[in-house]
Amino acid sequence: MTVSGKMTRRFPHRHLLSCERLTAPEITFLLDIADDLAEANRARQAKREILSGRSLINLFFEASTRTQASFEMAAKRLGADVLNMNVA
């Protein structure tokens, strides 16, 4: 199944703020998608539109320029609109 095919399956949580309450199948689902996205990232055309029309807010409570930049780049490569908020 392709990444976009897996993404059409509903993840039961609206937001992923912690992994503490995830079930084993939910974690497996997320790891499978991560593997597929890593493979797609290595492809010739790395830009995808999987998150087109979606917004992602990166909220950082500590200064972390590299992490913020990598999260932003990853989301944009998937077609998301990104807003970075630094609380630190």
PDB file of N, CA and C in Angstrom:
ATOM      1  N   MET A   1       0.858  -1.177   0.000  1.00  0.00           N
ATOM      2  CA  MET A   1       0.000   0.000   0.000  1.00  0.00           C
ATOM      3  C   MET A   1       0.901   1.236   0.000  1.00  0.00           C
ATOM      4  N   THR A   2       0.533   2.258  -0.757  1.00  0.00           N
ATOM      5  CA  THR A   2       1.325   3.482  -0.821  1.00  0.00           C
ATOM      6  C   THR A   2       1.104   4.338   0.416  1.00  0.00           C
ATOM      7  N   VAL A   3       1.964   5.351   0.559  1.00  0.00           N
ATOM      8  CA  VAL A   3       1.830   6.261   1.696  1.00  0.00           C
ATOM      9  C   VAL A   3       0.473   6.930   1.674  1.00  0.00           C
ATOM     10  N   SER A   4       0.073   7.448   0.510  1.00  0.00           N
ATOM     11  CA  SER A   4      -1.219   8.136   0.444  1.00  0.00           C
ATOM     12  C   SER A   4      -2.366   7.176   0.724  1.00  0.00           C
ATOM     13  N   GLY A   5      -2.221   5.903   0.338  1.00  0.00           N
ATOM     14  CA  GLY A   5      -3.246   4.919   0.652  1.00  0.00           C
ATOM     15  C   GLY A   5      -3.359   4.673   2.143  1.00  0.00           C
ATOM     16  N   LYS A   6      -2.213   4.604   2.816  1.00  0.00           N
ATOM     17  CA  LYS A   6      -2.229   4.420   4.271  1.00  0.00           C
ATOM     18  C   LYS A   6      -2.768   5.656   4.970  1.00  0.00           C
ATOM     19  N   MET A   7      -2.490   6.829   4.405  1.00  0.00           N
ATOM     20  CA  MET A   7      -2.927   8.069   5.040  1.00  0.00           C
ATOM     21  C   MET A   7      -4.442   8.225   4.980  1.00  0.00           C
ATOM     22  N   THR A   8      -5.099   7.532   4.047  1.00  0.00           N
ATOM     23  CA  THR A   8      -6.553   7.639   3.972  1.00  0.00           C
ATOM     24  C   THR A   8      -7.222   6.875   5.111  1.00  0.00           C
ATOM     25  N   ARG A   9      -6.511   5.886   5.667  1.00  0.00           N
ATOM     26  CA  ARG A   9      -7.029   5.230   6.878  1.00  0.00           C
ATOM     27  C   ARG A   9      -7.014   6.254   7.990  1.00  0.00           C
ATOM     28  N   ARG A  10      -8.044   6.290   8.759  1.00  0.00           N
ATOM     29  CA  ARG A  10      -8.169   7.302   9.812  1.00  0.00           C
ATOM     30  C   ARG A  10      -7.314   6.945  11.014  1.00  0.00           C
ATOM     31  N   PHE A  11      -6.477   7.883  11.405  1.00  0.00           N
ATOM     32  CA  PHE A  11      -5.763   7.773  12.670  1.00  0.00           C
ATOM     33  C   PHE A  11      -6.743   8.252  13.725  1.00  0.00           C
ATOM     34  N   PRO A  12      -6.966   7.503  14.794  1.00  0.00           N
ATOM     35  CA  PRO A  12      -8.055   7.822  15.719  1.00  0.00           C
ATOM     36  C   PRO A  12      -7.846   9.076  16.570  1.00  0.00           C
ATOM     37  N   HIS A  13      -6.677   9.674  16.496  1.00  0.00           N
ATOM     38  CA  HIS A  13      -6.398  10.857  17.310  1.00  0.00           C
ATOM     39  C   HIS A  13      -6.294  12.089  16.416  1.00  0.00           C
ATOM     40  N   ARG A  14      -6.887  13.176  16.849  1.00  0.00           N
ATOM     41  CA  ARG A  14      -6.820  14.414  16.069  1.00  0.00           C
ATOM     42  C   ARG A  14      -5.429  15.037  16.138  1.00  0.00           C
ATOM     43  N   HIS A  15      -4.800  14.959  17.300  1.00  0.00           N
ATOM     44  CA  HIS A  15      -3.472  15.528  17.504  1.00  0.00           C
ATOM     45  C   HIS A  15      -2.577  14.464  18.130  1.00  0.00           C
ATOM     46  N   LEU A  16      -1.318  14.498  17.786  1.00  0.00           N
ATOM     47  CA  LEU A  16      -0.362  13.574  18.388  1.00  0.00           C
ATOM     48  C   LEU A  16       0.594  14.393  19.249  1.00  0.00           C
ATOM     49  N   LEU A  17       0.274  14.483  20.526  1.00  0.00           N
ATOM     50  CA  LEU A  17       1.070  15.275  21.457  1.00  0.00           C
ATOM     51  C   LEU A  17       1.964  14.406  22.330  1.00  0.00           C
ATOM     52  N   SER A  18       1.637  13.131  22.419  1.00  0.00           N
ATOM     53  CA  SER A  18       2.397  12.213  23.255  1.00  0.00           C
ATOM     54  C   SER A  18       2.157  10.800  22.729  1.00  0.00           C
ATOM     55  N   CYS A  19       3.095   9.916  23.005  1.00  0.00           N
ATOM     56  CA  CYS A  19       2.915   8.525  22.569  1.00  0.00           C
ATOM     57  C   CYS A  19       2.492   7.620  23.723  1.00  0.00           C
ATOM     58  N   GLU A  20       2.304   8.188  24.900  1.00  0.00           N
ATOM     59  CA  GLU A  20       2.010   7.386  26.086  1.00  0.00           C
ATOM     60  C   GLU A  20       0.708   6.595  25.995  1.00  0.00           C
ATOM     61  N   ARG A  21      -0.298   7.137  25.342  1.00  0.00           N
ATOM     62  CA  ARG A  21      -1.605   6.461  25.302  1.00  0.00           C
ATOM     63  C   ARG A  21      -1.868   5.722  23.992  1.00  0.00           C
ATOM     64  N   LEU A  22      -0.871   5.637  23.137  1.00  0.00           N
ATOM     65  CA  LEU A  22      -1.054   4.937  21.872  1.00  0.00           C
ATOM     66  C   LEU A  22      -1.052   3.430  22.094  1.00  0.00           C
ATOM     67  N   THR A  23      -1.870   2.742  21.315  1.00  0.00           N
ATOM     68  CA  THR A  23      -1.891   1.282  21.360  1.00  0.00           C
ATOM     69  C   THR A  23      -0.783   0.747  20.456  1.00  0.00           C
ATOM     70  N   ALA A  24      -0.473  -0.525  20.597  1.00  0.00           N
ATOM     71  CA  ALA A  24       0.550  -1.146  19.758  1.00  0.00           C
ATOM     72  C   ALA A  24       0.204  -1.039  18.269  1.00  0.00           C
ATOM     73  N   PRO A  25      -1.054  -1.301  17.848  1.00  0.00           N
ATOM     74  CA  PRO A  25      -1.386  -1.152  16.427  1.00  0.00           C
ATOM     75  C   PRO A  25      -1.240   0.292  15.926  1.00  0.00           C
ATOM     76  N   GLU A  26      -1.548   1.266  16.774  1.00  0.00           N
ATOM     77  CA  GLU A  26      -1.401   2.669  16.372  1.00  0.00           C
ATOM     78  C   GLU A  26       0.070   3.024  16.181  1.00  0.00           C
ATOM     79  N   ILE A  27       0.926   2.520  17.051  1.00  0.00           N
ATOM     80  CA  ILE A  27       2.360   2.765  16.920  1.00  0.00           C
ATOM     81  C   ILE A  27       2.889   2.093  15.662  1.00  0.00           C
ATOM     82  N   THR A  28       2.460   0.868  15.407  1.00  0.00           N
ATOM     83  CA  THR A  28       2.867   0.163  14.196  1.00  0.00           C
ATOM     84  C   THR A  28       2.420   0.920  12.956  1.00  0.00           C
ATOM     85  N   PHE A  29       1.197   1.426  12.958  1.00  0.00           N
ATOM     86  CA  PHE A  29       0.665   2.223  11.851  1.00  0.00           C
ATOM     87  C   PHE A  29       1.567   3.430  11.582  1.00  0.00           C
ATOM     88  N   LEU A  30       1.934   4.159  12.633  1.00  0.00           N
ATOM     89  CA  LEU A  30       2.786   5.342  12.480  1.00  0.00           C
ATOM     90  C   LEU A  30       4.184   4.971  11.981  1.00  0.00           C
ATOM     91  N   LEU A  31       4.739   3.878  12.486  1.00  0.00           N
ATOM     92  CA  LEU A  31       6.068   3.456  12.045  1.00  0.00           C
ATOM     93  C   LEU A  31       6.056   2.991  10.593  1.00  0.00           C
ATOM     94  N   ASP A  32       4.987   2.327  10.168  1.00  0.00           N
ATOM     95  CA  ASP A  32       4.860   1.915   8.764  1.00  0.00           C
ATOM     96  C   ASP A  32       4.820   3.134   7.846  1.00  0.00           C
ATOM     97  N   ILE A  33       4.057   4.139   8.245  1.00  0.00           N
ATOM     98  CA  ILE A  33       3.991   5.363   7.442  1.00  0.00           C
ATOM     99  C   ILE A  33       5.359   6.043   7.415  1.00  0.00           C
ATOM    100  N   ALA A  34       6.045   6.075   8.555  1.00  0.00           N
ATOM    101  CA  ALA A  34       7.376   6.687   8.615  1.00  0.00           C
ATOM    102  C   ALA A  34       8.346   5.976   7.673  1.00  0.00           C
ATOM    103  N   ASP A  35       8.301   4.641   7.635  1.00  0.00           N
ATOM    104  CA  ASP A  35       9.157   3.889   6.713  1.00  0.00           C
ATOM    105  C   ASP A  35       8.855   4.252   5.265  1.00  0.00           C
ATOM    106  N   ASP A  36       7.572   4.312   4.921  1.00  0.00           N
ATOM    107  CA  ASP A  36       7.177   4.649   3.556  1.00  0.00           C
ATOM    108  C   ASP A  36       7.596   6.069   3.187  1.00  0.00           C
ATOM    109  N   LEU A  37       7.460   7.000   4.128  1.00  0.00           N
ATOM    110  CA  LEU A  37       7.850   8.385   3.860  1.00  0.00           C
ATOM    111  C   LEU A  37       9.363   8.511   3.711  1.00  0.00           C
ATOM    112  N   ALA A  38      10.123   7.754   4.498  1.00  0.00           N
ATOM    113  CA  ALA A  38      11.581   7.774   4.368  1.00  0.00           C
ATOM    114  C   ALA A  38      11.990   7.267   2.993  1.00  0.00           C
ATOM    115  N   GLU A  39      11.335   6.215   2.531  1.00  0.00           N
ATOM    116  CA  GLU A  39      11.617   5.679   1.198  1.00  0.00           C
ATOM    117  C   GLU A  39      11.232   6.692   0.121  1.00  0.00           C
ATOM    118  N   ALA A  40      10.086   7.326   0.276  1.00  0.00           N
ATOM    119  CA  ALA A  40       9.650   8.342  -0.690  1.00  0.00           C
ATOM    120  C   ALA A  40      10.599   9.528  -0.693  1.00  0.00           C
ATOM    121  N   ASN A  41      11.163   9.857   0.454  1.00  0.00           N
ATOM    122  CA  ASN A  41      12.096  10.981   0.555  1.00  0.00           C
ATOM    123  C   ASN A  41      13.376  10.719  -0.233  1.00  0.00           C
ATOM    124  N   ARG A  42      13.762   9.451  -0.320  1.00  0.00           N
ATOM    125  CA  ARG A  42      14.963   9.099  -1.076  1.00  0.00           C
ATOM    126  C   ARG A  42      14.705   9.063  -2.579  1.00  0.00           C
ATOM    127  N   ALA A  43      13.451   9.118  -2.966  1.00  0.00           N
ATOM    128  CA  ALA A  43      13.103   9.077  -4.389  1.00  0.00           C
ATOM    129  C   ALA A  43      13.566  10.351  -5.084  1.00  0.00           C
ATOM    130  N   ARG A  44      13.616  10.299  -6.387  1.00  0.00           N
ATOM    131  CA  ARG A  44      14.092  11.422  -7.182  1.00  0.00           C
ATOM    132  C   ARG A  44      13.286  12.682  -6.914  1.00  0.00           C
ATOM    133  N   GLN A  45      11.986  12.573  -6.928  1.00  0.00           N
ATOM    134  CA  GLN A  45      11.125  13.729  -6.674  1.00  0.00           C
ATOM    135  C   GLN A  45      10.637  13.623  -5.228  1.00  0.00           C
ATOM    136  N   ALA A  46      11.348  14.295  -4.331  1.00  0.00           N
ATOM    137  CA  ALA A  46      11.050  14.160  -2.904  1.00  0.00           C
ATOM    138  C   ALA A  46       9.823  14.955  -2.472  1.00  0.00           C
ATOM    139  N   LYS A  47       9.423  15.969  -3.224  1.00  0.00           N
ATOM    140  CA  LYS A  47       8.274  16.795  -2.822  1.00  0.00           C
ATOM    141  C   LYS A  47       6.985  16.013  -3.052  1.00  0.00           C
ATOM    142  N   ARG A  48       6.166  15.933  -2.032  1.00  0.00           N
ATOM    143  CA  ARG A  48       4.871  15.256  -2.096  1.00  0.00           C
ATOM    144  C   ARG A  48       3.788  16.225  -1.660  1.00  0.00           C
ATOM    145  N   GLU A  49       2.567  15.909  -1.936  1.00  0.00           N
ATOM    146  CA  GLU A  49       1.441  16.767  -1.546  1.00  0.00           C
ATOM    147  C   GLU A  49       0.515  16.052  -0.560  1.00  0.00           C
ATOM    148  N   ILE A  50       1.066  15.139   0.210  1.00  0.00           N
ATOM    149  CA  ILE A  50       0.277  14.352   1.153  1.00  0.00           C
ATOM    150  C   ILE A  50      -0.433  15.237   2.169  1.00  0.00           C
ATOM    151  N   LEU A  51       0.220  16.325   2.584  1.00  0.00           N
ATOM    152  CA  LEU A  51      -0.364  17.225   3.586  1.00  0.00           C
ATOM    153  C   LEU A  51      -0.873  18.523   2.969  1.00  0.00           C
ATOM    154  N   SER A  52      -1.126  18.505   1.686  1.00  0.00           N
ATOM    155  CA  SER A  52      -1.636  19.706   1.013  1.00  0.00           C
ATOM    156  C   SER A  52      -2.956  20.148   1.640  1.00  0.00           C
ATOM    157  N   GLY A  53      -3.062  21.450   1.910  1.00  0.00           N
ATOM    158  CA  GLY A  53      -4.273  21.975   2.526  1.00  0.00           C
ATOM    159  C   GLY A  53      -4.301  21.832   4.040  1.00  0.00           C
ATOM    160  N   ARG A  54      -3.252  21.281   4.610  1.00  0.00           N
ATOM    161  CA  ARG A  54      -3.168  21.109   6.067  1.00  0.00           C
ATOM    162  C   ARG A  54      -2.182  22.123   6.637  1.00  0.00           C
ATOM    163  N   SER A  55      -2.368  22.457   7.884  1.00  0.00           N
ATOM    164  CA  SER A  55      -1.453  23.358   8.580  1.00  0.00           C
ATOM    165  C   SER A  55      -0.756  22.601   9.698  1.00  0.00           C
ATOM    166  N   LEU A  56       0.508  22.905   9.881  1.00  0.00           N
ATOM    167  CA  LEU A  56       1.290  22.296  10.949  1.00  0.00           C
ATOM    168  C   LEU A  56       1.868  23.417  11.796  1.00  0.00           C
ATOM    169  N   ILE A  57       1.684  23.326  13.095  1.00  0.00           N
ATOM    170  CA  ILE A  57       2.258  24.311  14.009  1.00  0.00           C
ATOM    171  C   ILE A  57       3.349  23.615  14.812  1.00  0.00           C
ATOM    172  N   ASN A  58       4.568  24.115  14.679  1.00  0.00           N
ATOM    173  CA  ASN A  58       5.694  23.631  15.474  1.00  0.00           C
ATOM    174  C   ASN A  58       5.795  24.525  16.698  1.00  0.00           C
ATOM    175  N   LEU A  59       5.606  23.954  17.864  1.00  0.00           N
ATOM    176  CA  LEU A  59       5.652  24.704  19.114  1.00  0.00           C
ATOM    177  C   LEU A  59       6.863  24.230  19.913  1.00  0.00           C
ATOM    178  N   PHE A  60       7.837  25.120  20.086  1.00  0.00           N
ATOM    179  CA  PHE A  60       9.072  24.768  20.779  1.00  0.00           C
ATOM    180  C   PHE A  60       9.175  25.524  22.090  1.00  0.00           C
ATOM    181  N   PHE A  61       9.408  24.795  23.163  1.00  0.00           N
ATOM    182  CA  PHE A  61       9.559  25.390  24.484  1.00  0.00           C
ATOM    183  C   PHE A  61      11.024  25.616  24.837  1.00  0.00           C
ATOM    184  N   GLU A  62      11.928  25.099  24.014  1.00  0.00           N
ATOM    185  CA  GLU A  62      13.357  25.314  24.184  1.00  0.00           C
ATOM    186  C   GLU A  62      13.940  25.649  22.822  1.00  0.00           C
ATOM    187  N   ALA A  63      14.987  26.471  22.813  1.00  0.00           N
ATOM    188  CA  ALA A  63      15.637  26.838  21.555  1.00  0.00           C
ATOM    189  C   ALA A  63      16.225  25.590  20.904  1.00  0.00           C
ATOM    190  N   SER A  64      15.843  25.353  19.657  1.00  0.00           N
ATOM    191  CA  SER A  64      16.320  24.179  18.928  1.00  0.00           C
ATOM    192  C   SER A  64      16.239  24.475  17.440  1.00  0.00           C
ATOM    193  N   THR A  65      17.186  25.254  16.951  1.00  0.00           N
ATOM    194  CA  THR A  65      17.153  25.714  15.566  1.00  0.00           C
ATOM    195  C   THR A  65      17.171  24.562  14.571  1.00  0.00           C
ATOM    196  N   ARG A  66      18.054  23.590  14.774  1.00  0.00           N
ATOM    197  CA  ARG A  66      18.137  22.475  13.822  1.00  0.00           C
ATOM    198  C   ARG A  66      16.857  21.657  13.802  1.00  0.00           C
ATOM    199  N   THR A  67      16.300  21.377  14.974  1.00  0.00           N
ATOM    200  CA  THR A  67      15.061  20.603  15.034  1.00  0.00           C
ATOM    201  C   THR A  67      13.929  21.374  14.383  1.00  0.00           C
ATOM    202  N   GLN A  68      13.812  22.650  14.694  1.00  0.00           N
ATOM    203  CA  GLN A  68      12.753  23.468  14.102  1.00  0.00           C
ATOM    204  C   GLN A  68      12.890  23.503  12.588  1.00  0.00           C
ATOM    205  N   ALA A  69      14.097  23.714  12.100  1.00  0.00           N
ATOM    206  CA  ALA A  69      14.314  23.782  10.654  1.00  0.00           C
ATOM    207  C   ALA A  69      14.006  22.446   9.984  1.00  0.00           C
ATOM    208  N   SER A  70      14.410  21.330  10.603  1.00  0.00           N
ATOM    209  CA  SER A  70      14.153  20.025   9.987  1.00  0.00           C
ATOM    210  C   SER A  70      12.668  19.677   9.999  1.00  0.00           C
ATOM    211  N   PHE A  71      11.955  20.013  11.082  1.00  0.00           N
ATOM    212  CA  PHE A  71      10.511  19.776  11.126  1.00  0.00           C
ATOM    213  C   PHE A  71       9.807  20.612  10.059  1.00  0.00           C
ATOM    214  N   GLU A  72      10.212  21.872   9.946  1.00  0.00           N
ATOM    215  CA  GLU A  72       9.595  22.761   8.960  1.00  0.00           C
ATOM    216  C   GLU A  72       9.853  22.260   7.546  1.00  0.00           C
ATOM    217  N   MET A  73      11.089  21.876   7.253  1.00  0.00           N
ATOM    218  CA  MET A  73      11.420  21.384   5.919  1.00  0.00           C
ATOM    219  C   MET A  73      10.638  20.115   5.588  1.00  0.00           C
ATOM    220  N   ALA A  74      10.543  19.203   6.543  1.00  0.00           N
ATOM    221  CA  ALA A  74       9.813  17.956   6.310  1.00  0.00           C
ATOM    222  C   ALA A  74       8.345  18.225   6.010  1.00  0.00           C
ATOM    223  N   ALA A  75       7.724  19.095   6.782  1.00  0.00           N
ATOM    224  CA  ALA A  75       6.306  19.402   6.567  1.00  0.00           C
ATOM    225  C   ALA A  75       6.088  20.077   5.221  1.00  0.00           C
ATOM    226  N   LYS A  76       6.972  20.984   4.854  1.00  0.00           N
ATOM    227  CA  LYS A  76       6.835  21.674   3.566  1.00  0.00           C
ATOM    228  C   LYS A  76       7.052  20.719   2.402  1.00  0.00           C
ATOM    229  N   ARG A  77       7.956  19.756   2.574  1.00  0.00           N
ATOM    230  CA  ARG A  77       8.171  18.771   1.509  1.00  0.00           C
ATOM    231  C   ARG A  77       6.942  17.893   1.311  1.00  0.00           C
ATOM    232  N   LEU A  78       6.103  17.804   2.340  1.00  0.00           N
ATOM    233  CA  LEU A  78       4.863  17.038   2.237  1.00  0.00           C
ATOM    234  C   LEU A  78       3.683  17.923   1.857  1.00  0.00           C
ATOM    235  N   GLY A  79       3.942  19.208   1.604  1.00  0.00           N
ATOM    236  CA  GLY A  79       2.902  20.102   1.110  1.00  0.00           C
ATOM    237  C   GLY A  79       2.147  20.877   2.167  1.00  0.00           C
ATOM    238  N   ALA A  80       2.560  20.812   3.423  1.00  0.00           N
ATOM    239  CA  ALA A  80       1.833  21.497   4.504  1.00  0.00           C
ATOM    240  C   ALA A  80       2.227  22.969   4.591  1.00  0.00           C
ATOM    241  N   ASP A  81       1.322  23.770   5.122  1.00  0.00           N
ATOM    242  CA  ASP A  81       1.635  25.141   5.512  1.00  0.00           C
ATOM    243  C   ASP A  81       2.167  25.060   6.938  1.00  0.00           C
ATOM    244  N   VAL A  82       3.256  25.787   7.221  1.00  0.00           N
ATOM    245  CA  VAL A  82       3.932  25.647   8.509  1.00  0.00           C
ATOM    246  C   VAL A  82       3.999  26.973   9.247  1.00  0.00           C
ATOM    247  N   LEU A  83       3.730  26.910  10.537  1.00  0.00           N
ATOM    248  CA  LEU A  83       3.878  28.052  11.431  1.00  0.00           C
ATOM    249  C   LEU A  83       4.758  27.602  12.591  1.00  0.00           C
ATOM    250  N   ASN A  84       5.854  28.328  12.811  1.00  0.00           N
ATOM    251  CA  ASN A  84       6.753  28.025  13.921  1.00  0.00           C
ATOM    252  C   ASN A  84       6.495  28.996  15.054  1.00  0.00           C
ATOM    253  N   MET A  85       6.326  28.466  16.259  1.00  0.00           N
ATOM    254  CA  MET A  85       6.120  29.301  17.445  1.00  0.00           C
ATOM    255  C   MET A  85       7.193  28.950  18.464  1.00  0.00           C
ATOM    256  N   ASN A  86       7.950  29.960  18.855  1.00  0.00           N
ATOM    257  CA  ASN A  86       8.998  29.766  19.856  1.00  0.00           C
ATOM    258  C   ASN A  86       8.548  30.374  21.167  1.00  0.00           C
ATOM    259  N   VAL A  87       8.384  29.537  22.168  1.00  0.00           N
ATOM    260  CA  VAL A  87       7.976  29.996  23.483  1.00  0.00           C
ATOM    261  C   VAL A  87       9.220  30.317  24.314  1.00  0.00           C
ATOM    262  N   ALA A  88      10.336  29.707  23.946  1.00  0.00           N
ATOM    263  CA  ALA A  88      11.591  29.886  24.700  1.00  0.00           C
ATOM    264  C   ALA A  88      12.087  31.315  24.626  1.00  0.00           C
TER     265      ALA A  88
END
